[in-house]
Amino acid sequence: MVDSRPSRGILCLEHIAAVSVLLGVYECGVLLTQFIPLPATIIGVFILLGLFILLGHIPGFIRRTIPQYLSHMSLFFVPAIMAVWLFQDDVMTHWLALLLALFGTTVLSMILVLWLTHRLLKSS
């Protein structure tokens, strides 16, 4: 029986390529923050989306490697949790505003996704 899995060297090169693409679009986002008042990460996501739309598909090396990084996504929340702990006096002072902002943006994003999904599915 022939093993259809890529070798470790190929997997390593795919990871390097995927991380290079992600860092590249992030750095492009950093450069564009001088002209666009958005965080570099958001601009990078839009650049990545534009690249995928232009290509017409998600390249295989990205499709195979990114899920492995997403499975460790919770590590990216550690700085946010530490910030809440470090700034707990400010959080306690402004807890109502923070709660309303979190709840409001969550509800608004859910409504937007619902509306957009309804429109897209109705048109197809």
PDB file of N, CA and C in Angstrom:
ATOM      1  N   MET A   1       0.839  -1.169   0.000  1.00  0.00           N
ATOM      2  CA  MET A   1       0.000   0.000   0.000  1.00  0.00           C
ATOM      3  C   MET A   1       0.894   1.246   0.000  1.00  0.00           C
ATOM      4  N   VAL A   2       0.541   2.227  -0.811  1.00  0.00           N
ATOM      5  CA  VAL A   2       1.326   3.445  -0.949  1.00  0.00           C
ATOM      6  C   VAL A   2       0.798   4.491   0.020  1.00  0.00           C
ATOM      7  N   ASP A   3       1.706   5.128   0.753  1.00  0.00           N
ATOM      8  CA  ASP A   3       1.331   6.176   1.698  1.00  0.00           C
ATOM      9  C   ASP A   3       1.165   7.479   0.933  1.00  0.00           C
ATOM     10  N   SER A   4      -0.052   8.058   0.963  1.00  0.00           N
ATOM     11  CA  SER A   4      -0.337   9.274   0.197  1.00  0.00           C
ATOM     12  C   SER A   4      -0.046  10.553   0.978  1.00  0.00           C
ATOM     13  N   ARG A   5       0.377  10.419   2.233  1.00  0.00           N
ATOM     14  CA  ARG A   5       0.677  11.607   3.035  1.00  0.00           C
ATOM     15  C   ARG A   5       1.999  12.218   2.580  1.00  0.00           C
ATOM     16  N   PRO A   6       2.079  13.569   2.605  1.00  0.00           N
ATOM     17  CA  PRO A   6       3.355  14.196   2.243  1.00  0.00           C
ATOM     18  C   PRO A   6       4.428  13.920   3.290  1.00  0.00           C
ATOM     19  N   SER A   7       5.680  14.001   2.871  1.00  0.00           N
ATOM     20  CA  SER A   7       6.787  13.756   3.795  1.00  0.00           C
ATOM     21  C   SER A   7       6.893  14.890   4.806  1.00  0.00           C
ATOM     22  N   ARG A   8       7.685  14.660   5.850  1.00  0.00           N
ATOM     23  CA  ARG A   8       7.873  15.684   6.888  1.00  0.00           C
ATOM     24  C   ARG A   8       8.494  16.950   6.311  1.00  0.00           C
ATOM     25  N   GLY A   9       9.399  16.780   5.355  1.00  0.00           N
ATOM     26  CA  GLY A   9      10.027  17.942   4.731  1.00  0.00           C
ATOM     27  C   GLY A   9       9.018  18.803   3.996  1.00  0.00           C
ATOM     28  N   ILE A  10       8.116  18.158   3.268  1.00  0.00           N
ATOM     29  CA  ILE A  10       7.065  18.890   2.549  1.00  0.00           C
ATOM     30  C   ILE A  10       6.141  19.586   3.544  1.00  0.00           C
ATOM     31  N   LEU A  11       5.759  18.888   4.610  1.00  0.00           N
ATOM     32  CA  LEU A  11       4.900  19.500   5.635  1.00  0.00           C
ATOM     33  C   LEU A  11       5.571  20.707   6.274  1.00  0.00           C
ATOM     34  N   CYS A  12       6.862  20.586   6.533  1.00  0.00           N
ATOM     35  CA  CYS A  12       7.606  21.702   7.121  1.00  0.00           C
ATOM     36  C   CYS A  12       7.628  22.895   6.163  1.00  0.00           C
ATOM     37  N   LEU A  13       7.865  22.630   4.887  1.00  0.00           N
ATOM     38  CA  LEU A  13       7.862  23.708   3.898  1.00  0.00           C
ATOM     39  C   LEU A  13       6.478  24.346   3.759  1.00  0.00           C
ATOM     40  N   GLU A  14       5.427  23.532   3.846  1.00  0.00           N
ATOM     41  CA  GLU A  14       4.067  24.076   3.785  1.00  0.00           C
ATOM     42  C   GLU A  14       3.790  24.993   4.973  1.00  0.00           C
ATOM     43  N   HIS A  15       4.239  24.595   6.158  1.00  0.00           N
ATOM     44  CA  HIS A  15       4.049  25.443   7.342  1.00  0.00           C
ATOM     45  C   HIS A  15       4.823  26.752   7.193  1.00  0.00           C
ATOM     46  N   ILE A  16       6.041  26.658   6.715  1.00  0.00           N
ATOM     47  CA  ILE A  16       6.846  27.872   6.517  1.00  0.00           C
ATOM     48  C   ILE A  16       6.171  28.784   5.497  1.00  0.00           C
ATOM     49  N   ALA A  17       5.655  28.208   4.417  1.00  0.00           N
ATOM     50  CA  ALA A  17       4.985  29.008   3.391  1.00  0.00           C
ATOM     51  C   ALA A  17       3.720  29.662   3.946  1.00  0.00           C
ATOM     52  N   ALA A  18       2.922  28.908   4.705  1.00  0.00           N
ATOM     53  CA  ALA A  18       1.677  29.450   5.253  1.00  0.00           C
ATOM     54  C   ALA A  18       1.961  30.574   6.240  1.00  0.00           C
ATOM     55  N   VAL A  19       2.927  30.381   7.120  1.00  0.00           N
ATOM     56  CA  VAL A  19       3.279  31.427   8.091  1.00  0.00           C
ATOM     57  C   VAL A  19       3.855  32.635   7.361  1.00  0.00           C
ATOM     58  N   SER A  20       4.623  32.404   6.312  1.00  0.00           N
ATOM     59  CA  SER A  20       5.185  33.515   5.531  1.00  0.00           C
ATOM     60  C   SER A  20       4.083  34.335   4.875  1.00  0.00           C
ATOM     61  N   VAL A  21       3.077  33.664   4.339  1.00  0.00           N
ATOM     62  CA  VAL A  21       1.950  34.383   3.733  1.00  0.00           C
ATOM     63  C   VAL A  21       1.228  35.201   4.798  1.00  0.00           C
ATOM     64  N   LEU A  22       0.960  34.591   5.956  1.00  0.00           N
ATOM     65  CA  LEU A  22       0.258  35.308   7.026  1.00  0.00           C
ATOM     66  C   LEU A  22       1.065  36.505   7.526  1.00  0.00           C
ATOM     67  N   LEU A  23       2.355  36.316   7.725  1.00  0.00           N
ATOM     68  CA  LEU A  23       3.192  37.439   8.160  1.00  0.00           C
ATOM     69  C   LEU A  23       3.290  38.504   7.071  1.00  0.00           C
ATOM     70  N   GLY A  24       3.321  38.076   5.816  1.00  0.00           N
ATOM     71  CA  GLY A  24       3.391  39.025   4.710  1.00  0.00           C
ATOM     72  C   GLY A  24       2.167  39.913   4.631  1.00  0.00           C
ATOM     73  N   VAL A  25       0.974  39.310   4.737  1.00  0.00           N
ATOM     74  CA  VAL A  25      -0.235  40.136   4.668  1.00  0.00           C
ATOM     75  C   VAL A  25      -0.367  41.000   5.918  1.00  0.00           C
ATOM     76  N   TYR A  26       0.118  40.514   7.045  1.00  0.00           N
ATOM     77  CA  TYR A  26       0.118  41.347   8.257  1.00  0.00           C
ATOM     78  C   TYR A  26       1.029  42.555   8.074  1.00  0.00           C
ATOM     79  N   GLU A  27       2.219  42.331   7.544  1.00  0.00           N
ATOM     80  CA  GLU A  27       3.151  43.446   7.331  1.00  0.00           C
ATOM     81  C   GLU A  27       2.604  44.437   6.307  1.00  0.00           C
ATOM     82  N   CYS A  28       1.918  43.936   5.288  1.00  0.00           N
ATOM     83  CA  CYS A  28       1.247  44.849   4.348  1.00  0.00           C
ATOM     84  C   CYS A  28       0.195  45.669   5.092  1.00  0.00           C
ATOM     85  N   GLY A  29      -0.513  45.022   6.010  1.00  0.00           N
ATOM     86  CA  GLY A  29      -1.491  45.740   6.828  1.00  0.00           C
ATOM     87  C   GLY A  29      -0.842  46.800   7.690  1.00  0.00           C
ATOM     88  N   VAL A  30       0.357  46.487   8.231  1.00  0.00           N
ATOM     89  CA  VAL A  30       1.089  47.471   9.040  1.00  0.00           C
ATOM     90  C   VAL A  30       1.430  48.693   8.184  1.00  0.00           C
ATOM     91  N   LEU A  31       1.882  48.458   6.959  1.00  0.00           N
ATOM     92  CA  LEU A  31       2.208  49.573   6.068  1.00  0.00           C
ATOM     93  C   LEU A  31       0.975  50.397   5.718  1.00  0.00           C
ATOM     94  N   LEU A  32      -0.150  49.721   5.532  1.00  0.00           N
ATOM     95  CA  LEU A  32      -1.371  50.423   5.129  1.00  0.00           C
ATOM     96  C   LEU A  32      -2.062  51.152   6.272  1.00  0.00           C
ATOM     97  N   THR A  33      -1.666  50.871   7.523  1.00  0.00           N
ATOM     98  CA  THR A  33      -2.285  51.586   8.648  1.00  0.00           C
ATOM     99  C   THR A  33      -1.971  53.074   8.611  1.00  0.00           C
ATOM    100  N   GLN A  34      -0.950  53.452   7.856  1.00  0.00           N
ATOM    101  CA  GLN A  34      -0.635  54.875   7.698  1.00  0.00           C
ATOM    102  C   GLN A  34      -1.720  55.588   6.899  1.00  0.00           C
ATOM    103  N   PHE A  35      -2.437  54.847   6.054  1.00  0.00           N
ATOM    104  CA  PHE A  35      -3.442  55.439   5.171  1.00  0.00           C
ATOM    105  C   PHE A  35      -4.868  55.037   5.525  1.00  0.00           C
ATOM    106  N   ILE A  36      -5.011  53.881   6.177  1.00  0.00           N
ATOM    107  CA  ILE A  36      -6.336  53.362   6.523  1.00  0.00           C
ATOM    108  C   ILE A  36      -6.426  53.248   8.049  1.00  0.00           C
ATOM    109  N   PRO A  37      -7.410  53.899   8.665  1.00  0.00           N
ATOM    110  CA  PRO A  37      -7.492  53.877  10.137  1.00  0.00           C
ATOM    111  C   PRO A  37      -8.107  52.594  10.691  1.00  0.00           C
ATOM    112  N   LEU A  38      -7.470  51.471  10.400  1.00  0.00           N
ATOM    113  CA  LEU A  38      -7.894  50.172  10.925  1.00  0.00           C
ATOM    114  C   LEU A  38      -6.667  49.449  11.471  1.00  0.00           C
ATOM    115  N   PRO A  39      -6.857  48.496  12.379  1.00  0.00           N
ATOM    116  CA  PRO A  39      -5.713  47.710  12.858  1.00  0.00           C
ATOM    117  C   PRO A  39      -5.082  46.905  11.720  1.00  0.00           C
ATOM    118  N   ALA A  40      -3.784  46.687  11.823  1.00  0.00           N
ATOM    119  CA  ALA A  40      -3.049  45.963  10.785  1.00  0.00           C
ATOM    120  C   ALA A  40      -3.594  44.550  10.582  1.00  0.00           C
ATOM    121  N   THR A  41      -4.049  43.924  11.645  1.00  0.00           N
ATOM    122  CA  THR A  41      -4.574  42.564  11.514  1.00  0.00           C
ATOM    123  C   THR A  41      -5.849  42.532  10.665  1.00  0.00           C
ATOM    124  N   ILE A  42      -6.704  43.524  10.848  1.00  0.00           N
ATOM    125  CA  ILE A  42      -7.949  43.583  10.064  1.00  0.00           C
ATOM    126  C   ILE A  42      -7.632  43.851   8.602  1.00  0.00           C
ATOM    127  N   ILE A  43      -6.716  44.784   8.351  1.00  0.00           N
ATOM    128  CA  ILE A  43      -6.324  45.066   6.972  1.00  0.00           C
ATOM    129  C   ILE A  43      -5.709  43.819   6.347  1.00  0.00           C
ATOM    130  N   GLY A  44      -4.881  43.105   7.104  1.00  0.00           N
ATOM    131  CA  GLY A  44      -4.277  41.874   6.609  1.00  0.00           C
ATOM    132  C   GLY A  44      -5.308  40.816   6.256  1.00  0.00           C
ATOM    133  N   VAL A  45      -6.361  40.702   7.069  1.00  0.00           N
ATOM    134  CA  VAL A  45      -7.424  39.736   6.774  1.00  0.00           C
ATOM    135  C   VAL A  45      -8.124  40.116   5.475  1.00  0.00           C
ATOM    136  N   PHE A  46      -8.367  41.411   5.269  1.00  0.00           N
ATOM    137  CA  PHE A  46      -8.991  41.850   4.020  1.00  0.00           C
ATOM    138  C   PHE A  46      -8.075  41.593   2.819  1.00  0.00           C
ATOM    139  N   ILE A  47      -6.777  41.800   2.988  1.00  0.00           N
ATOM    140  CA  ILE A  47      -5.833  41.500   1.913  1.00  0.00           C
ATOM    141  C   ILE A  47      -5.866  40.013   1.598  1.00  0.00           C
ATOM    142  N   LEU A  48      -5.852  39.184   2.636  1.00  0.00           N
ATOM    143  CA  LEU A  48      -5.899  37.732   2.445  1.00  0.00           C
ATOM    144  C   LEU A  48      -7.183  37.311   1.745  1.00  0.00           C
ATOM    145  N   LEU A  49      -8.299  37.889   2.154  1.00  0.00           N
ATOM    146  CA  LEU A  49      -9.579  37.603   1.507  1.00  0.00           C
ATOM    147  C   LEU A  49      -9.526  38.001   0.039  1.00  0.00           C
ATOM    148  N   GLY A  50      -8.960  39.185  -0.249  1.00  0.00           N
ATOM    149  CA  GLY A  50      -8.830  39.626  -1.632  1.00  0.00           C
ATOM    150  C   GLY A  50      -7.973  38.679  -2.461  1.00  0.00           C
ATOM    151  N   LEU A  51      -6.877  38.202  -1.871  1.00  0.00           N
ATOM    152  CA  LEU A  51      -6.032  37.239  -2.578  1.00  0.00           C
ATOM    153  C   LEU A  51      -6.781  35.947  -2.877  1.00  0.00           C
ATOM    154  N   PHE A  52      -7.551  35.462  -1.915  1.00  0.00           N
ATOM    155  CA  PHE A  52      -8.310  34.231  -2.133  1.00  0.00           C
ATOM    156  C   PHE A  52      -9.380  34.433  -3.202  1.00  0.00           C
ATOM    157  N   ILE A  53     -10.004  35.605  -3.208  1.00  0.00           N
ATOM    158  CA  ILE A  53     -11.012  35.891  -4.229  1.00  0.00           C
ATOM    159  C   ILE A  53     -10.361  35.965  -5.605  1.00  0.00           C
ATOM    160  N   LEU A  54      -9.202  36.620  -5.688  1.00  0.00           N
ATOM    161  CA  LEU A  54      -8.497  36.698  -6.974  1.00  0.00           C
ATOM    162  C   LEU A  54      -8.062  35.320  -7.466  1.00  0.00           C
ATOM    163  N   LEU A  55      -7.581  34.494  -6.561  1.00  0.00           N
ATOM    164  CA  LEU A  55      -7.170  33.142  -6.941  1.00  0.00           C
ATOM    165  C   LEU A  55      -8.361  32.249  -7.272  1.00  0.00           C
ATOM    166  N   GLY A  56      -9.489  32.520  -6.639  1.00  0.00           N
ATOM    167  CA  GLY A  56     -10.672  31.695  -6.842  1.00  0.00           C
ATOM    168  C   GLY A  56     -10.740  30.486  -5.928  1.00  0.00           C
ATOM    169  N   HIS A  57      -9.734  30.310  -5.083  1.00  0.00           N
ATOM    170  CA  HIS A  57      -9.711  29.198  -4.134  1.00  0.00           C
ATOM    171  C   HIS A  57      -8.661  29.486  -3.060  1.00  0.00           C
ATOM    172  N   ILE A  58      -8.700  28.693  -2.001  1.00  0.00           N
ATOM    173  CA  ILE A  58      -7.680  28.788  -0.959  1.00  0.00           C
ATOM    174  C   ILE A  58      -6.580  27.799  -1.317  1.00  0.00           C
ATOM    175  N   PRO A  59      -5.342  28.249  -1.433  1.00  0.00           N
ATOM    176  CA  PRO A  59      -4.262  27.322  -1.792  1.00  0.00           C
ATOM    177  C   PRO A  59      -4.177  26.145  -0.818  1.00  0.00           C
ATOM    178  N   GLY A  60      -3.811  24.995  -1.352  1.00  0.00           N
ATOM    179  CA  GLY A  60      -3.781  23.763  -0.567  1.00  0.00           C
ATOM    180  C   GLY A  60      -2.869  23.825   0.636  1.00  0.00           C
ATOM    181  N   PHE A  61      -1.686  24.461   0.495  1.00  0.00           N
ATOM    182  CA  PHE A  61      -0.765  24.504   1.631  1.00  0.00           C
ATOM    183  C   PHE A  61      -1.340  25.315   2.776  1.00  0.00           C
ATOM    184  N   ILE A  62      -2.162  26.315   2.477  1.00  0.00           N
ATOM    185  CA  ILE A  62      -2.803  27.091   3.543  1.00  0.00           C
ATOM    186  C   ILE A  62      -3.967  26.291   4.122  1.00  0.00           C
ATOM    187  N   ARG A  63      -4.756  25.673   3.260  1.00  0.00           N
ATOM    188  CA  ARG A  63      -5.905  24.886   3.707  1.00  0.00           C
ATOM    189  C   ARG A  63      -5.481  23.737   4.618  1.00  0.00           C
ATOM    190  N   ARG A  64      -4.314  23.161   4.374  1.00  0.00           N
ATOM    191  CA  ARG A  64      -3.860  22.027   5.188  1.00  0.00           C
ATOM    192  C   ARG A  64      -3.198  22.450   6.497  1.00  0.00           C
ATOM    193  N   THR A  65      -2.586  23.629   6.558  1.00  0.00           N
ATOM    194  CA  THR A  65      -1.819  23.999   7.753  1.00  0.00           C
ATOM    195  C   THR A  65      -2.577  24.883   8.733  1.00  0.00           C
ATOM    196  N   ILE A  66      -3.417  25.766   8.261  1.00  0.00           N
ATOM    197  CA  ILE A  66      -4.073  26.730   9.153  1.00  0.00           C
ATOM    198  C   ILE A  66      -4.926  26.061  10.230  1.00  0.00           C
ATOM    199  N   PRO A  67      -5.681  24.975   9.949  1.00  0.00           N
ATOM    200  CA  PRO A  67      -6.465  24.363  11.036  1.00  0.00           C
ATOM    201  C   PRO A  67      -5.619  23.935  12.238  1.00  0.00           C
ATOM    202  N   GLN A  68      -4.376  23.574  12.000  1.00  0.00           N
ATOM    203  CA  GLN A  68      -3.517  23.193  13.121  1.00  0.00           C
ATOM    204  C   GLN A  68      -3.217  24.395  14.008  1.00  0.00           C
ATOM    205  N   TYR A  69      -3.065  25.566  13.393  1.00  0.00           N
ATOM    206  CA  TYR A  69      -2.825  26.777  14.184  1.00  0.00           C
ATOM    207  C   TYR A  69      -4.108  27.237  14.878  1.00  0.00           C
ATOM    208  N   LEU A  70      -5.233  27.086  14.218  1.00  0.00           N
ATOM    209  CA  LEU A  70      -6.502  27.496  14.823  1.00  0.00           C
ATOM    210  C   LEU A  70      -6.848  26.654  16.045  1.00  0.00           C
ATOM    211  N   SER A  71      -6.365  25.422  16.085  1.00  0.00           N
ATOM    212  CA  SER A  71      -6.658  24.578  17.243  1.00  0.00           C
ATOM    213  C   SER A  71      -5.974  25.100  18.515  1.00  0.00           C
ATOM    214  N   HIS A  72      -4.989  25.971  18.357  1.00  0.00           N
ATOM    215  CA  HIS A  72      -4.298  26.574  19.500  1.00  0.00           C
ATOM    216  C   HIS A  72      -4.659  28.051  19.668  1.00  0.00           C
ATOM    217  N   MET A  73      -5.788  28.446  19.119  1.00  0.00           N
ATOM    218  CA  MET A  73      -6.219  29.837  19.132  1.00  0.00           C
ATOM    219  C   MET A  73      -6.387  30.387  20.551  1.00  0.00           C
ATOM    220  N   SER A  74      -6.722  29.529  21.491  1.00  0.00           N
ATOM    221  CA  SER A  74      -6.952  30.008  22.861  1.00  0.00           C
ATOM    222  C   SER A  74      -5.700  30.655  23.451  1.00  0.00           C
ATOM    223  N   LEU A  75      -4.530  30.302  22.967  1.00  0.00           N
ATOM    224  CA  LEU A  75      -3.302  30.933  23.460  1.00  0.00           C
ATOM    225  C   LEU A  75      -3.275  32.430  23.174  1.00  0.00           C
ATOM    226  N   PHE A  76      -3.968  32.847  22.104  1.00  0.00           N
ATOM    227  CA  PHE A  76      -3.985  34.261  21.752  1.00  0.00           C
ATOM    228  C   PHE A  76      -4.846  35.084  22.707  1.00  0.00           C
ATOM    229  N   PHE A  77      -5.663  34.412  23.524  1.00  0.00           N
ATOM    230  CA  PHE A  77      -6.505  35.131  24.478  1.00  0.00           C
ATOM    231  C   PHE A  77      -5.786  35.387  25.800  1.00  0.00           C
ATOM    232  N   VAL A  78      -4.646  34.768  26.020  1.00  0.00           N
ATOM    233  CA  VAL A  78      -3.912  34.964  27.267  1.00  0.00           C
ATOM    234  C   VAL A  78      -3.557  36.435  27.486  1.00  0.00           C
ATOM    235  N   PRO A  79      -3.039  37.168  26.475  1.00  0.00           N
ATOM    236  CA  PRO A  79      -2.747  38.591  26.717  1.00  0.00           C
ATOM    237  C   PRO A  79      -3.983  39.392  27.106  1.00  0.00           C
ATOM    238  N   ALA A  80      -5.123  39.088  26.508  1.00  0.00           N
ATOM    239  CA  ALA A  80      -6.349  39.812  26.850  1.00  0.00           C
ATOM    240  C   ALA A  80      -6.765  39.524  28.289  1.00  0.00           C
ATOM    241  N   ILE A  81      -6.640  38.287  28.704  1.00  0.00           N
ATOM    242  CA  ILE A  81      -6.994  37.916  30.080  1.00  0.00           C
ATOM    243  C   ILE A  81      -6.046  38.602  31.063  1.00  0.00           C
ATOM    244  N   MET A  82      -4.763  38.646  30.712  1.00  0.00           N
ATOM    245  CA  MET A  82      -3.788  39.318  31.574  1.00  0.00           C
ATOM    246  C   MET A  82      -4.074  40.818  31.645  1.00  0.00           C
ATOM    247  N   ALA A  83      -4.509  41.408  30.529  1.00  0.00           N
ATOM    248  CA  ALA A  83      -4.825  42.838  30.532  1.00  0.00           C
ATOM    249  C   ALA A  83      -5.987  43.136  31.468  1.00  0.00           C
ATOM    250  N   VAL A  84      -6.992  42.258  31.471  1.00  0.00           N
ATOM    251  CA  VAL A  84      -8.119  42.455  32.387  1.00  0.00           C
ATOM    252  C   VAL A  84      -7.639  42.384  33.826  1.00  0.00           C
ATOM    253  N   TRP A  85      -6.742  41.460  34.104  1.00  0.00           N
ATOM    254  CA  TRP A  85      -6.222  41.331  35.463  1.00  0.00           C
ATOM    255  C   TRP A  85      -5.382  42.552  35.842  1.00  0.00           C
ATOM    256  N   LEU A  86      -4.537  43.016  34.918  1.00  0.00           N
ATOM    257  CA  LEU A  86      -3.680  44.165  35.214  1.00  0.00           C
ATOM    258  C   LEU A  86      -4.466  45.461  35.358  1.00  0.00           C
ATOM    259  N   PHE A  87      -5.556  45.582  34.599  1.00  0.00           N
ATOM    260  CA  PHE A  87      -6.355  46.803  34.625  1.00  0.00           C
ATOM    261  C   PHE A  87      -7.691  46.571  35.310  1.00  0.00           C
ATOM    262  N   GLN A  88      -7.691  45.728  36.317  1.00  0.00           N
ATOM    263  CA  GLN A  88      -8.955  45.373  36.949  1.00  0.00           C
ATOM    264  C   GLN A  88      -9.624  46.566  37.619  1.00  0.00           C
ATOM    265  N   ASP A  89      -8.874  47.562  38.082  1.00  0.00           N
ATOM    266  CA  ASP A  89      -9.501  48.749  38.667  1.00  0.00           C
ATOM    267  C   ASP A  89     -10.326  49.491  37.620  1.00  0.00           C
ATOM    268  N   ASP A  90      -9.757  49.651  36.411  1.00  0.00           N
ATOM    269  CA  ASP A  90     -10.494  50.313  35.330  1.00  0.00           C
ATOM    270  C   ASP A  90     -11.695  49.480  34.892  1.00  0.00           C
ATOM    271  N   VAL A  91     -11.511  48.170  34.846  1.00  0.00           N
ATOM    272  CA  VAL A  91     -12.615  47.286  34.463  1.00  0.00           C
ATOM    273  C   VAL A  91     -13.739  47.386  35.488  1.00  0.00           C
ATOM    274  N   MET A  92     -13.381  47.398  36.760  1.00  0.00           N
ATOM    275  CA  MET A  92     -14.414  47.497  37.796  1.00  0.00           C
ATOM    276  C   MET A  92     -15.105  48.863  37.775  1.00  0.00           C
ATOM    277  N   THR A  93     -14.371  49.906  37.429  1.00  0.00           N
ATOM    278  CA  THR A  93     -14.953  51.242  37.357  1.00  0.00           C
ATOM    279  C   THR A  93     -15.937  51.354  36.198  1.00  0.00           C
ATOM    280  N   HIS A  94     -15.589  50.767  35.060  1.00  0.00           N
ATOM    281  CA  HIS A  94     -16.381  50.912  33.838  1.00  0.00           C
ATOM    282  C   HIS A  94     -17.044  49.600  33.414  1.00  0.00           C
ATOM    283  N   TRP A  95     -17.427  48.786  34.375  1.00  0.00           N
ATOM    284  CA  TRP A  95     -17.963  47.469  34.061  1.00  0.00           C
ATOM    285  C   TRP A  95     -19.243  47.530  33.245  1.00  0.00           C
ATOM    286  N   LEU A  96     -20.104  48.496  33.518  1.00  0.00           N
ATOM    287  CA  LEU A  96     -21.376  48.575  32.806  1.00  0.00           C
ATOM    288  C   LEU A  96     -21.149  48.947  31.337  1.00  0.00           C
ATOM    289  N   ALA A  97     -20.284  49.917  31.108  1.00  0.00           N
ATOM    290  CA  ALA A  97     -19.992  50.304  29.717  1.00  0.00           C
ATOM    291  C   ALA A  97     -19.367  49.143  28.953  1.00  0.00           C
ATOM    292  N   LEU A  98     -18.457  48.425  29.588  1.00  0.00           N
ATOM    293  CA  LEU A  98     -17.830  47.271  28.940  1.00  0.00           C
ATOM    294  C   LEU A  98     -18.858  46.179  28.645  1.00  0.00           C
ATOM    295  N   LEU A  99     -19.722  45.907  29.610  1.00  0.00           N
ATOM    296  CA  LEU A  99     -20.746  44.887  29.426  1.00  0.00           C
ATOM    297  C   LEU A  99     -21.697  45.253  28.294  1.00  0.00           C
ATOM    298  N   LEU A 100     -22.134  46.515  28.269  1.00  0.00           N
ATOM    299  CA  LEU A 100     -23.032  46.959  27.201  1.00  0.00           C
ATOM    300  C   LEU A 100     -22.341  46.918  25.837  1.00  0.00           C
ATOM    301  N   ALA A 101     -21.084  47.303  25.781  1.00  0.00           N
ATOM    302  CA  ALA A 101     -20.349  47.280  24.514  1.00  0.00           C
ATOM    303  C   ALA A 101     -20.181  45.849  24.019  1.00  0.00           C
ATOM    304  N   LEU A 102     -19.806  44.940  24.908  1.00  0.00           N
ATOM    305  CA  LEU A 102     -19.642  43.539  24.508  1.00  0.00           C
ATOM    306  C   LEU A 102     -20.967  42.918  24.072  1.00  0.00           C
ATOM    307  N   PHE A 103     -21.997  43.152  24.844  1.00  0.00           N
ATOM    308  CA  PHE A 103     -23.306  42.598  24.514  1.00  0.00           C
ATOM    309  C   PHE A 103     -23.842  43.215  23.225  1.00  0.00           C
ATOM    310  N   GLY A 104     -23.727  44.523  23.111  1.00  0.00           N
ATOM    311  CA  GLY A 104     -24.249  45.214  21.927  1.00  0.00           C
ATOM    312  C   GLY A 104     -23.553  44.794  20.642  1.00  0.00           C
ATOM    313  N   THR A 105     -22.225  44.734  20.675  1.00  0.00           N
ATOM    314  CA  THR A 105     -21.510  44.338  19.460  1.00  0.00           C
ATOM    315  C   THR A 105     -21.762  42.874  19.114  1.00  0.00           C
ATOM    316  N   THR A 106     -21.937  42.034  20.115  1.00  0.00           N
ATOM    317  CA  THR A 106     -22.242  40.622  19.849  1.00  0.00           C
ATOM    318  C   THR A 106     -23.605  40.496  19.189  1.00  0.00           C
ATOM    319  N   VAL A 107     -24.594  41.167  19.736  1.00  0.00           N
ATOM    320  CA  VAL A 107     -25.944  41.098  19.168  1.00  0.00           C
ATOM    321  C   VAL A 107     -25.962  41.699  17.763  1.00  0.00           C
ATOM    322  N   LEU A 108     -25.308  42.837  17.566  1.00  0.00           N
ATOM    323  CA  LEU A 108     -25.269  43.454  16.242  1.00  0.00           C
ATOM    324  C   LEU A 108     -24.580  42.566  15.218  1.00  0.00           C
ATOM    325  N   SER A 109     -23.487  41.931  15.592  1.00  0.00           N
ATOM    326  CA  SER A 109     -22.799  41.056  14.643  1.00  0.00           C
ATOM    327  C   SER A 109     -23.636  39.825  14.328  1.00  0.00           C
ATOM    328  N   MET A 110     -24.354  39.305  15.308  1.00  0.00           N
ATOM    329  CA  MET A 110     -25.221  38.155  15.048  1.00  0.00           C
ATOM    330  C   MET A 110     -26.362  38.539  14.109  1.00  0.00           C
ATOM    331  N   ILE A 111     -26.934  39.706  14.311  1.00  0.00           N
ATOM    332  CA  ILE A 111     -28.009  40.179  13.432  1.00  0.00           C
ATOM    333  C   ILE A 111     -27.478  40.401  12.018  1.00  0.00           C
ATOM    334  N   LEU A 112     -26.292  40.975  11.895  1.00  0.00           N
ATOM    335  CA  LEU A 112     -25.699  41.203  10.584  1.00  0.00           C
ATOM    336  C   LEU A 112     -25.423  39.886   9.858  1.00  0.00           C
ATOM    337  N   VAL A 113     -24.881  38.911  10.552  1.00  0.00           N
ATOM    338  CA  VAL A 113     -24.616  37.602   9.942  1.00  0.00           C
ATOM    339  C   VAL A 113     -25.927  36.934   9.545  1.00  0.00           C
ATOM    340  N   LEU A 114     -26.934  37.015  10.383  1.00  0.00           N
ATOM    341  CA  LEU A 114     -28.237  36.439  10.069  1.00  0.00           C
ATOM    342  C   LEU A 114     -28.820  37.083   8.815  1.00  0.00           C
ATOM    343  N   TRP A 115     -28.815  38.405   8.755  1.00  0.00           N
ATOM    344  CA  TRP A 115     -29.358  39.130   7.609  1.00  0.00           C
ATOM    345  C   TRP A 115     -28.585  38.812   6.336  1.00  0.00           C
ATOM    346  N   LEU A 116     -27.261  38.825   6.427  1.00  0.00           N
ATOM    347  CA  LEU A 116     -26.430  38.555   5.260  1.00  0.00           C
ATOM    348  C   LEU A 116     -26.607  37.110   4.776  1.00  0.00           C
ATOM    349  N   THR A 117     -26.642  36.161   5.684  1.00  0.00           N
ATOM    350  CA  THR A 117     -26.850  34.766   5.319  1.00  0.00           C
ATOM    351  C   THR A 117     -28.215  34.581   4.666  1.00  0.00           C
ATOM    352  N   HIS A 118     -29.230  35.216   5.221  1.00  0.00           N
ATOM    353  CA  HIS A 118     -30.576  35.134   4.656  1.00  0.00           C
ATOM    354  C   HIS A 118     -30.592  35.681   3.233  1.00  0.00           C
ATOM    355  N   ARG A 119     -29.954  36.837   3.028  1.00  0.00           N
ATOM    356  CA  ARG A 119     -29.904  37.439   1.686  1.00  0.00           C
ATOM    357  C   ARG A 119     -29.144  36.567   0.700  1.00  0.00           C
ATOM    358  N   LEU A 120     -28.014  36.017   1.134  1.00  0.00           N
ATOM    359  CA  LEU A 120     -27.202  35.204   0.235  1.00  0.00           C
ATOM    360  C   LEU A 120     -27.858  33.870  -0.099  1.00  0.00           C
ATOM    361  N   LEU A 121     -28.493  33.250   0.879  1.00  0.00           N
ATOM    362  CA  LEU A 121     -29.144  31.971   0.627  1.00  0.00           C
ATOM    363  C   LEU A 121     -30.420  32.137  -0.180  1.00  0.00           C
ATOM    364  N   LYS A 122     -31.115  33.273   0.001  1.00  0.00           N
ATOM    365  CA  LYS A 122     -32.331  33.529  -0.742  1.00  0.00           C
ATOM    366  C   LYS A 122     -32.028  33.776  -2.222  1.00  0.00           C
ATOM    367  N   SER A 123     -30.888  34.397  -2.496  1.00  0.00           N
ATOM    368  CA  SER A 123     -30.541  34.700  -3.888  1.00  0.00           C
ATOM    369  C   SER A 123     -30.017  33.502  -4.645  1.00  0.00           C
ATOM    370  N   SER A 124     -29.584  32.441  -3.953  1.00  0.00           N
ATOM    371  CA  SER A 124     -29.015  31.282  -4.664  1.00  0.00           C
ATOM    372  C   SER A 124     -30.029  30.206  -4.957  1.00  0.00           C
TER     373      SER A 124
END
